Amino acid sequence: MRIACPHCGPRGLEEFLYHGDATVRRPRDGGAAVSQAWVDYVYLRDNANGRHEELWYHAAGCRAWLVVARDLATHEILKVNTVRDVE
């Protein structure tokens, strides 16, 4: 798999580190007390199929954080953006 880094161009997968689901959002209550929102955030994940957004870090390149949209069934990369451009 090759990821088209917006700064460096297409690079091999070995240059990147996968950091998980880019759609999961941390609860805003600070976590001082156990809440259902924190239990869901820590333990519950959907087993997605089809288009999915993931966080990747370009460790052996420009060190940018990227949001990679790809099809989990075919591994086709649909879009790559820097985190700054997404949030």
PDB file of N, CA and C in Angstrom:
ATOM      1  N   MET A   1       0.853  -1.176   0.000  1.00  0.00           N
ATOM      2  CA  MET A   1       0.000   0.000   0.000  1.00  0.00           C
ATOM      3  C   MET A   1       0.896   1.236   0.000  1.00  0.00           C
ATOM      4  N   ARG A   2       0.520   2.213  -0.797  1.00  0.00           N
ATOM      5  CA  ARG A   2       1.235   3.479  -0.857  1.00  0.00           C
ATOM      6  C   ARG A   2       0.291   4.597  -0.437  1.00  0.00           C
ATOM      7  N   ILE A   3       0.806   5.490   0.386  1.00  0.00           N
ATOM      8  CA  ILE A   3       0.027   6.629   0.862  1.00  0.00           C
ATOM      9  C   ILE A   3       0.595   7.894   0.223  1.00  0.00           C
ATOM     10  N   ALA A   4      -0.275   8.683  -0.373  1.00  0.00           N
ATOM     11  CA  ALA A   4       0.144   9.922  -1.032  1.00  0.00           C
ATOM     12  C   ALA A   4       0.189  11.042   0.000  1.00  0.00           C
ATOM     13  N   CYS A   5       1.340  11.234   0.614  1.00  0.00           N
ATOM     14  CA  CYS A   5       1.516  12.303   1.592  1.00  0.00           C
ATOM     15  C   CYS A   5       1.357  13.655   0.886  1.00  0.00           C
ATOM     16  N   PRO A   6       0.562  14.571   1.440  1.00  0.00           N
ATOM     17  CA  PRO A   6       0.378  15.879   0.806  1.00  0.00           C
ATOM     18  C   PRO A   6       1.675  16.684   0.692  1.00  0.00           C
ATOM     19  N   HIS A   7       2.673  16.376   1.541  1.00  0.00           N
ATOM     20  CA  HIS A   7       3.931  17.112   1.530  1.00  0.00           C
ATOM     21  C   HIS A   7       5.032  16.409   0.749  1.00  0.00           C
ATOM     22  N   CYS A   8       5.085  15.076   0.814  1.00  0.00           N
ATOM     23  CA  CYS A   8       6.199  14.303   0.261  1.00  0.00           C
ATOM     24  C   CYS A   8       5.855  13.514  -0.989  1.00  0.00           C
ATOM     25  N   GLY A   9       4.579  13.405  -1.316  1.00  0.00           N
ATOM     26  CA  GLY A   9       4.156  12.605  -2.456  1.00  0.00           C
ATOM     27  C   GLY A   9       3.939  11.151  -2.039  1.00  0.00           C
ATOM     28  N   PRO A  10       3.714  10.270  -3.008  1.00  0.00           N
ATOM     29  CA  PRO A  10       3.440   8.857  -2.704  1.00  0.00           C
ATOM     30  C   PRO A  10       4.630   8.179  -2.019  1.00  0.00           C
ATOM     31  N   ARG A  11       4.350   7.507  -0.919  1.00  0.00           N
ATOM     32  CA  ARG A  11       5.385   6.819  -0.139  1.00  0.00           C
ATOM     33  C   ARG A  11       4.883   5.439   0.265  1.00  0.00           C
ATOM     34  N   GLY A  12       5.815   4.539   0.524  1.00  0.00           N
ATOM     35  CA  GLY A  12       5.478   3.199   0.967  1.00  0.00           C
ATOM     36  C   GLY A  12       4.948   3.182   2.389  1.00  0.00           C
ATOM     37  N   LEU A  13       4.147   2.191   2.673  1.00  0.00           N
ATOM     38  CA  LEU A  13       3.511   2.038   3.977  1.00  0.00           C
ATOM     39  C   LEU A  13       4.517   1.995   5.120  1.00  0.00           C
ATOM     40  N   GLU A  14       5.709   1.471   4.876  1.00  0.00           N
ATOM     41  CA  GLU A  14       6.709   1.332   5.936  1.00  0.00           C
ATOM     42  C   GLU A  14       7.183   2.666   6.509  1.00  0.00           C
ATOM     43  N   GLU A  15       6.902   3.777   5.835  1.00  0.00           N
ATOM     44  CA  GLU A  15       7.282   5.098   6.346  1.00  0.00           C
ATOM     45  C   GLU A  15       6.272   5.649   7.354  1.00  0.00           C
ATOM     46  N   PHE A  16       5.123   5.012   7.484  1.00  0.00           N
ATOM     47  CA  PHE A  16       4.021   5.545   8.280  1.00  0.00           C
ATOM     48  C   PHE A  16       3.725   4.663   9.490  1.00  0.00           C
ATOM     49  N   LEU A  17       3.141   5.291  10.518  1.00  0.00           N
ATOM     50  CA  LEU A  17       2.658   4.566  11.699  1.00  0.00           C
ATOM     51  C   LEU A  17       1.153   4.769  11.799  1.00  0.00           C
ATOM     52  N   TYR A  18       0.435   3.680  11.960  1.00  0.00           N
ATOM     53  CA  TYR A  18      -1.014   3.715  12.090  1.00  0.00           C
ATOM     54  C   TYR A  18      -1.370   4.066  13.530  1.00  0.00           C
ATOM     55  N   HIS A  19      -2.306   5.005  13.713  1.00  0.00           N
ATOM     56  CA  HIS A  19      -2.690   5.425  15.061  1.00  0.00           C
ATOM     57  C   HIS A  19      -4.173   5.305  15.341  1.00  0.00           C
ATOM     58  N   GLY A  20      -4.918   4.579  14.517  1.00  0.00           N
ATOM     59  CA  GLY A  20      -6.305   4.281  14.848  1.00  0.00           C
ATOM     60  C   GLY A  20      -7.349   5.063  14.094  1.00  0.00           C
ATOM     61  N   ASP A  21      -8.540   4.932  14.599  1.00  0.00           N
ATOM     62  CA  ASP A  21      -9.745   5.502  14.014  1.00  0.00           C
ATOM     63  C   ASP A  21      -9.733   7.027  14.160  1.00  0.00           C
ATOM     64  N   ALA A  22      -9.914   7.722  13.053  1.00  0.00           N
ATOM     65  CA  ALA A  22      -9.910   9.193  13.082  1.00  0.00           C
ATOM     66  C   ALA A  22     -11.277   9.776  13.407  1.00  0.00           C
ATOM     67  N   THR A  23     -12.289   8.933  13.521  1.00  0.00           N
ATOM     68  CA  THR A  23     -13.635   9.439  13.774  1.00  0.00           C
ATOM     69  C   THR A  23     -14.017   9.416  15.248  1.00  0.00           C
ATOM     70  N   VAL A  24     -13.232   8.752  16.084  1.00  0.00           N
ATOM     71  CA  VAL A  24     -13.534   8.663  17.516  1.00  0.00           C
ATOM     72  C   VAL A  24     -13.158   9.983  18.187  1.00  0.00           C
ATOM     73  N   ARG A  25     -14.064  10.528  18.967  1.00  0.00           N
ATOM     74  CA  ARG A  25     -13.811  11.795  19.654  1.00  0.00           C
ATOM     75  C   ARG A  25     -13.776  11.573  21.159  1.00  0.00           C
ATOM     76  N   ARG A  26     -12.794  12.148  21.815  1.00  0.00           N
ATOM     77  CA  ARG A  26     -12.630  12.031  23.265  1.00  0.00           C
ATOM     78  C   ARG A  26     -13.741  12.794  23.983  1.00  0.00           C
ATOM     79  N   PRO A  27     -14.332  12.205  25.033  1.00  0.00           N
ATOM     80  CA  PRO A  27     -15.368  12.922  25.793  1.00  0.00           C
ATOM     81  C   PRO A  27     -14.810  14.208  26.409  1.00  0.00           C
ATOM     82  N   ARG A  28     -15.649  15.198  26.545  1.00  0.00           N
ATOM     83  CA  ARG A  28     -15.216  16.512  27.032  1.00  0.00           C
ATOM     84  C   ARG A  28     -15.331  16.679  28.541  1.00  0.00           C
ATOM     85  N   ASP A  29     -15.792  15.659  29.264  1.00  0.00           N
ATOM     86  CA  ASP A  29     -16.011  15.829  30.707  1.00  0.00           C
ATOM     87  C   ASP A  29     -14.738  15.659  31.553  1.00  0.00           C
ATOM     88  N   GLY A  30     -13.591  15.428  30.934  1.00  0.00           N
ATOM     89  CA  GLY A  30     -12.330  15.368  31.665  1.00  0.00           C
ATOM     90  C   GLY A  30     -11.978  14.030  32.261  1.00  0.00           C
ATOM     91  N   GLY A  31     -12.920  13.139  32.428  1.00  0.00           N
ATOM     92  CA  GLY A  31     -12.638  11.798  32.922  1.00  0.00           C
ATOM     93  C   GLY A  31     -12.420  11.680  34.409  1.00  0.00           C
ATOM     94  N   ALA A  32     -12.774  12.698  35.188  1.00  0.00           N
ATOM     95  CA  ALA A  32     -12.586  12.631  36.638  1.00  0.00           C
ATOM     96  C   ALA A  32     -13.451  11.538  37.265  1.00  0.00           C
ATOM     97  N   ALA A  33     -14.599  11.306  36.688  1.00  0.00           N
ATOM     98  CA  ALA A  33     -15.493  10.249  37.174  1.00  0.00           C
ATOM     99  C   ALA A  33     -15.831   9.327  36.007  1.00  0.00           C
ATOM    100  N   VAL A  34     -16.055   8.077  36.314  1.00  0.00           N
ATOM    101  CA  VAL A  34     -16.426   7.121  35.277  1.00  0.00           C
ATOM    102  C   VAL A  34     -17.797   7.502  34.719  1.00  0.00           C
ATOM    103  N   SER A  35     -17.888   7.568  33.414  1.00  0.00           N
ATOM    104  CA  SER A  35     -19.165   7.870  32.777  1.00  0.00           C
ATOM    105  C   SER A  35     -19.335   6.917  31.595  1.00  0.00           C
ATOM    106  N   GLN A  36     -20.540   6.799  31.115  1.00  0.00           N
ATOM    107  CA  GLN A  36     -20.800   5.922  29.973  1.00  0.00           C
ATOM    108  C   GLN A  36     -20.057   6.420  28.745  1.00  0.00           C
ATOM    109  N   ALA A  37     -19.897   7.724  28.623  1.00  0.00           N
ATOM    110  CA  ALA A  37     -19.166   8.275  27.474  1.00  0.00           C
ATOM    111  C   ALA A  37     -17.720   7.799  27.472  1.00  0.00           C
ATOM    112  N   TRP A  38     -17.085   7.733  28.644  1.00  0.00           N
ATOM    113  CA  TRP A  38     -15.700   7.258  28.729  1.00  0.00           C
ATOM    114  C   TRP A  38     -15.597   5.760  28.495  1.00  0.00           C
ATOM    115  N   VAL A  39     -16.538   5.006  29.010  1.00  0.00           N
ATOM    116  CA  VAL A  39     -16.547   3.557  28.763  1.00  0.00           C
ATOM    117  C   VAL A  39     -16.661   3.298  27.259  1.00  0.00           C
ATOM    118  N   ASP A  40     -17.565   3.999  26.598  1.00  0.00           N
ATOM    119  CA  ASP A  40     -17.722   3.845  25.151  1.00  0.00           C
ATOM    120  C   ASP A  40     -16.455   4.247  24.409  1.00  0.00           C
ATOM    121  N   TYR A  41     -15.827   5.351  24.819  1.00  0.00           N
ATOM    122  CA  TYR A  41     -14.621   5.855  24.159  1.00  0.00           C
ATOM    123  C   TYR A  41     -13.459   4.861  24.277  1.00  0.00           C
ATOM    124  N   VAL A  42     -13.285   4.281  25.443  1.00  0.00           N
ATOM    125  CA  VAL A  42     -12.144   3.393  25.681  1.00  0.00           C
ATOM    126  C   VAL A  42     -12.366   1.992  25.116  1.00  0.00           C
ATOM    127  N   TYR A  43     -13.561   1.454  25.270  1.00  0.00           N
ATOM    128  CA  TYR A  43     -13.766   0.037  24.990  1.00  0.00           C
ATOM    129  C   TYR A  43     -14.558  -0.305  23.732  1.00  0.00           C
ATOM    130  N   LEU A  44     -15.414   0.576  23.270  1.00  0.00           N
ATOM    131  CA  LEU A  44     -16.299   0.219  22.170  1.00  0.00           C
ATOM    132  C   LEU A  44     -15.815   0.783  20.842  1.00  0.00           C
ATOM    133  N   ARG A  45     -15.682  -0.092  19.858  1.00  0.00           N
ATOM    134  CA  ARG A  45     -15.319   0.307  18.500  1.00  0.00           C
ATOM    135  C   ARG A  45     -16.195  -0.464  17.524  1.00  0.00           C
ATOM    136  N   ASP A  46     -16.588   0.187  16.452  1.00  0.00           N
ATOM    137  CA  ASP A  46     -17.336  -0.486  15.401  1.00  0.00           C
ATOM    138  C   ASP A  46     -16.377  -1.290  14.550  1.00  0.00           C
ATOM    139  N   ASN A  47     -16.842  -2.408  14.049  1.00  0.00           N
ATOM    140  CA  ASN A  47     -16.075  -3.203  13.105  1.00  0.00           C
ATOM    141  C   ASN A  47     -16.484  -2.724  11.716  1.00  0.00           C
ATOM    142  N   ALA A  48     -15.845  -1.673  11.264  1.00  0.00           N
ATOM    143  CA  ALA A  48     -16.241  -0.989  10.038  1.00  0.00           C
ATOM    144  C   ALA A  48     -15.891  -1.805   8.795  1.00  0.00           C
ATOM    145  N   ASN A  49     -16.682  -1.591   7.764  1.00  0.00           N
ATOM    146  CA  ASN A  49     -16.404  -2.155   6.458  1.00  0.00           C
ATOM    147  C   ASN A  49     -16.794  -1.091   5.442  1.00  0.00           C
ATOM    148  N   GLY A  50     -15.994  -0.911   4.430  1.00  0.00           N
ATOM    149  CA  GLY A  50     -16.240   0.156   3.461  1.00  0.00           C
ATOM    150  C   GLY A  50     -15.362   1.353   3.777  1.00  0.00           C
ATOM    151  N   ARG A  51     -15.835   2.541   3.434  1.00  0.00           N
ATOM    152  CA  ARG A  51     -15.043   3.769   3.649  1.00  0.00           C
ATOM    153  C   ARG A  51     -14.856   4.034   5.139  1.00  0.00           C
ATOM    154  N   HIS A  52     -13.614   4.370   5.498  1.00  0.00           N
ATOM    155  CA  HIS A  52     -13.273   4.618   6.892  1.00  0.00           C
ATOM    156  C   HIS A  52     -12.130   5.618   6.945  1.00  0.00           C
ATOM    157  N   GLU A  53     -12.126   6.468   7.963  1.00  0.00           N
ATOM    158  CA  GLU A  53     -11.044   7.440   8.130  1.00  0.00           C
ATOM    159  C   GLU A  53     -10.133   6.998   9.261  1.00  0.00           C
ATOM    160  N   GLU A  54      -8.817   7.061   9.004  1.00  0.00           N
ATOM    161  CA  GLU A  54      -7.811   6.593   9.960  1.00  0.00           C
ATOM    162  C   GLU A  54      -6.740   7.657  10.160  1.00  0.00           C
ATOM    163  N   LEU A  55      -6.136   7.654  11.341  1.00  0.00           N
ATOM    164  CA  LEU A  55      -5.005   8.540  11.624  1.00  0.00           C
ATOM    165  C   LEU A  55      -3.703   7.814  11.300  1.00  0.00           C
ATOM    166  N   TRP A  56      -2.842   8.478  10.565  1.00  0.00           N
ATOM    167  CA  TRP A  56      -1.514   7.950  10.242  1.00  0.00           C
ATOM    168  C   TRP A  56      -0.489   9.046  10.517  1.00  0.00           C
ATOM    169  N   TYR A  57       0.695   8.635  10.936  1.00  0.00           N
ATOM    170  CA  TYR A  57       1.794   9.567  11.227  1.00  0.00           C
ATOM    171  C   TYR A  57       2.934   9.256  10.271  1.00  0.00           C
ATOM    172  N   HIS A  58       3.421  10.245   9.550  1.00  0.00           N
ATOM    173  CA  HIS A  58       4.518  10.043   8.602  1.00  0.00           C
ATOM    174  C   HIS A  58       5.857  10.129   9.335  1.00  0.00           C
ATOM    175  N   ALA A  59       6.182   9.050  10.020  1.00  0.00           N
ATOM    176  CA  ALA A  59       7.341   9.008  10.920  1.00  0.00           C
ATOM    177  C   ALA A  59       8.676   9.094  10.188  1.00  0.00           C
ATOM    178  N   ALA A  60       8.793   8.481   9.029  1.00  0.00           N
ATOM    179  CA  ALA A  60      10.068   8.459   8.308  1.00  0.00           C
ATOM    180  C   ALA A  60      10.095   9.495   7.191  1.00  0.00           C
ATOM    181  N   GLY A  61       9.273  10.503   7.325  1.00  0.00           N
ATOM    182  CA  GLY A  61       9.215  11.549   6.307  1.00  0.00           C
ATOM    183  C   GLY A  61       9.062  12.911   6.948  1.00  0.00           C
ATOM    184  N   CYS A  62       8.007  13.606   6.594  1.00  0.00           N
ATOM    185  CA  CYS A  62       7.793  14.982   7.038  1.00  0.00           C
ATOM    186  C   CYS A  62       7.220  15.096   8.445  1.00  0.00           C
ATOM    187  N   ARG A  63       6.909  13.976   9.070  1.00  0.00           N
ATOM    188  CA  ARG A  63       6.353  13.901  10.431  1.00  0.00           C
ATOM    189  C   ARG A  63       4.988  14.577  10.561  1.00  0.00           C
ATOM    190  N   ALA A  64       4.237  14.542   9.477  1.00  0.00           N
ATOM    191  CA  ALA A  64       2.883  15.112   9.496  1.00  0.00           C
ATOM    192  C   ALA A  64       1.885  14.068   9.976  1.00  0.00           C
ATOM    193  N   TRP A  65       0.845  14.548  10.651  1.00  0.00           N
ATOM    194  CA  TRP A  65      -0.300  13.703  11.008  1.00  0.00           C
ATOM    195  C   TRP A  65      -1.281  13.766   9.857  1.00  0.00           C
ATOM    196  N   LEU A  66      -1.749  12.610   9.400  1.00  0.00           N
ATOM    197  CA  LEU A  66      -2.632  12.537   8.249  1.00  0.00           C
ATOM    198  C   LEU A  66      -3.929  11.820   8.590  1.00  0.00           C
ATOM    199  N   VAL A  67      -4.991  12.224   7.931  1.00  0.00           N
ATOM    200  CA  VAL A  67      -6.249  11.493   7.973  1.00  0.00           C
ATOM    201  C   VAL A  67      -6.381  10.833   6.603  1.00  0.00           C
ATOM    202  N   VAL A  68      -6.357   9.506   6.619  1.00  0.00           N
ATOM    203  CA  VAL A  68      -6.417   8.727   5.387  1.00  0.00           C
ATOM    204  C   VAL A  68      -7.796   8.083   5.304  1.00  0.00           C
ATOM    205  N   ALA A  69      -8.538   8.429   4.251  1.00  0.00           N
ATOM    206  CA  ALA A  69      -9.829   7.790   3.989  1.00  0.00           C
ATOM    207  C   ALA A  69      -9.562   6.637   3.037  1.00  0.00           C
ATOM    208  N   ARG A  70      -9.934   5.422   3.476  1.00  0.00           N
ATOM    209  CA  ARG A  70      -9.712   4.283   2.593  1.00  0.00           C
ATOM    210  C   ARG A  70     -10.854   3.294   2.720  1.00  0.00           C
ATOM    211  N   ASP A  71     -10.980   2.462   1.710  1.00  0.00           N
ATOM    212  CA  ASP A  71     -11.981   1.411   1.691  1.00  0.00           C
ATOM    213  C   ASP A  71     -11.373   0.196   2.379  1.00  0.00           C
ATOM    214  N   LEU A  72     -11.952  -0.223   3.493  1.00  0.00           N
ATOM    215  CA  LEU A  72     -11.388  -1.330   4.261  1.00  0.00           C
ATOM    216  C   LEU A  72     -11.553  -2.675   3.569  1.00  0.00           C
ATOM    217  N   ALA A  73     -12.474  -2.788   2.644  1.00  0.00           N
ATOM    218  CA  ALA A  73     -12.664  -4.045   1.926  1.00  0.00           C
ATOM    219  C   ALA A  73     -11.611  -4.235   0.836  1.00  0.00           C
ATOM    220  N   THR A  74     -11.245  -3.150   0.157  1.00  0.00           N
ATOM    221  CA  THR A  74     -10.302  -3.252  -0.972  1.00  0.00           C
ATOM    222  C   THR A  74      -8.931  -2.649  -0.667  1.00  0.00           C
ATOM    223  N   HIS A  75      -8.801  -1.932   0.440  1.00  0.00           N
ATOM    224  CA  HIS A  75      -7.587  -1.203   0.836  1.00  0.00           C
ATOM    225  C   HIS A  75      -7.255  -0.033  -0.092  1.00  0.00           C
ATOM    226  N   GLU A  76      -8.188   0.340  -0.963  1.00  0.00           N
ATOM    227  CA  GLU A  76      -7.979   1.485  -1.839  1.00  0.00           C
ATOM    228  C   GLU A  76      -7.991   2.767  -1.023  1.00  0.00           C
ATOM    229  N   ILE A  77      -6.996   3.617  -1.234  1.00  0.00           N
ATOM    230  CA  ILE A  77      -6.945   4.908  -0.548  1.00  0.00           C
ATOM    231  C   ILE A  77      -7.735   5.913  -1.370  1.00  0.00           C
ATOM    232  N   LEU A  78      -8.741   6.499  -0.725  1.00  0.00           N
ATOM    233  CA  LEU A  78      -9.657   7.395  -1.412  1.00  0.00           C
ATOM    234  C   LEU A  78      -9.243   8.857  -1.296  1.00  0.00           C
ATOM    235  N   LYS A  79      -8.663   9.226  -0.151  1.00  0.00           N
ATOM    236  CA  LYS A  79      -8.290  10.627   0.081  1.00  0.00           C
ATOM    237  C   LYS A  79      -7.295  10.707   1.227  1.00  0.00           C
ATOM    238  N   VAL A  80      -6.370  11.659   1.143  1.00  0.00           N
ATOM    239  CA  VAL A  80      -5.405  11.891   2.213  1.00  0.00           C
ATOM    240  C   VAL A  80      -5.360  13.394   2.488  1.00  0.00           C
ATOM    241  N   ASN A  81      -5.552  13.764   3.754  1.00  0.00           N
ATOM    242  CA  ASN A  81      -5.471  15.162   4.180  1.00  0.00           C
ATOM    243  C   ASN A  81      -4.614  15.253   5.431  1.00  0.00           C
ATOM    244  N   THR A  82      -4.051  16.425   5.661  1.00  0.00           N
ATOM    245  CA  THR A  82      -3.398  16.655   6.936  1.00  0.00           C
ATOM    246  C   THR A  82      -4.493  16.841   8.001  1.00  0.00           C
ATOM    247  N   VAL A  83      -4.201  16.540   9.241  1.00  0.00           N
ATOM    248  CA  VAL A  83      -5.175  16.691  10.316  1.00  0.00           C
ATOM    249  C   VAL A  83      -5.649  18.133  10.403  1.00  0.00           C
ATOM    250  N   ARG A  84      -4.759  19.061  10.190  1.00  0.00           N
ATOM    251  CA  ARG A  84      -5.091  20.481  10.256  1.00  0.00           C
ATOM    252  C   ARG A  84      -6.188  20.837   9.246  1.00  0.00           C
ATOM    253  N   ASP A  85      -6.179  20.217   8.076  1.00  0.00           N
ATOM    254  CA  ASP A  85      -7.179  20.510   7.044  1.00  0.00           C
ATOM    255  C   ASP A  85      -8.527  19.863   7.335  1.00  0.00           C
ATOM    256  N   VAL A  86      -8.566  18.867   8.212  1.00  0.00           N
ATOM    257  CA  VAL A  86      -9.808  18.152   8.499  1.00  0.00           C
ATOM    258  C   VAL A  86     -10.550  18.772   9.673  1.00  0.00           C
ATOM    259  N   GLU A  87      -9.859  19.113  10.737  1.00  0.00           N
ATOM    260  CA  GLU A  87     -10.528  19.611  11.954  1.00  0.00           C
ATOM    261  C   GLU A  87     -10.761  21.090  11.920  1.00  0.00           C
TER     262      GLU A  87
END
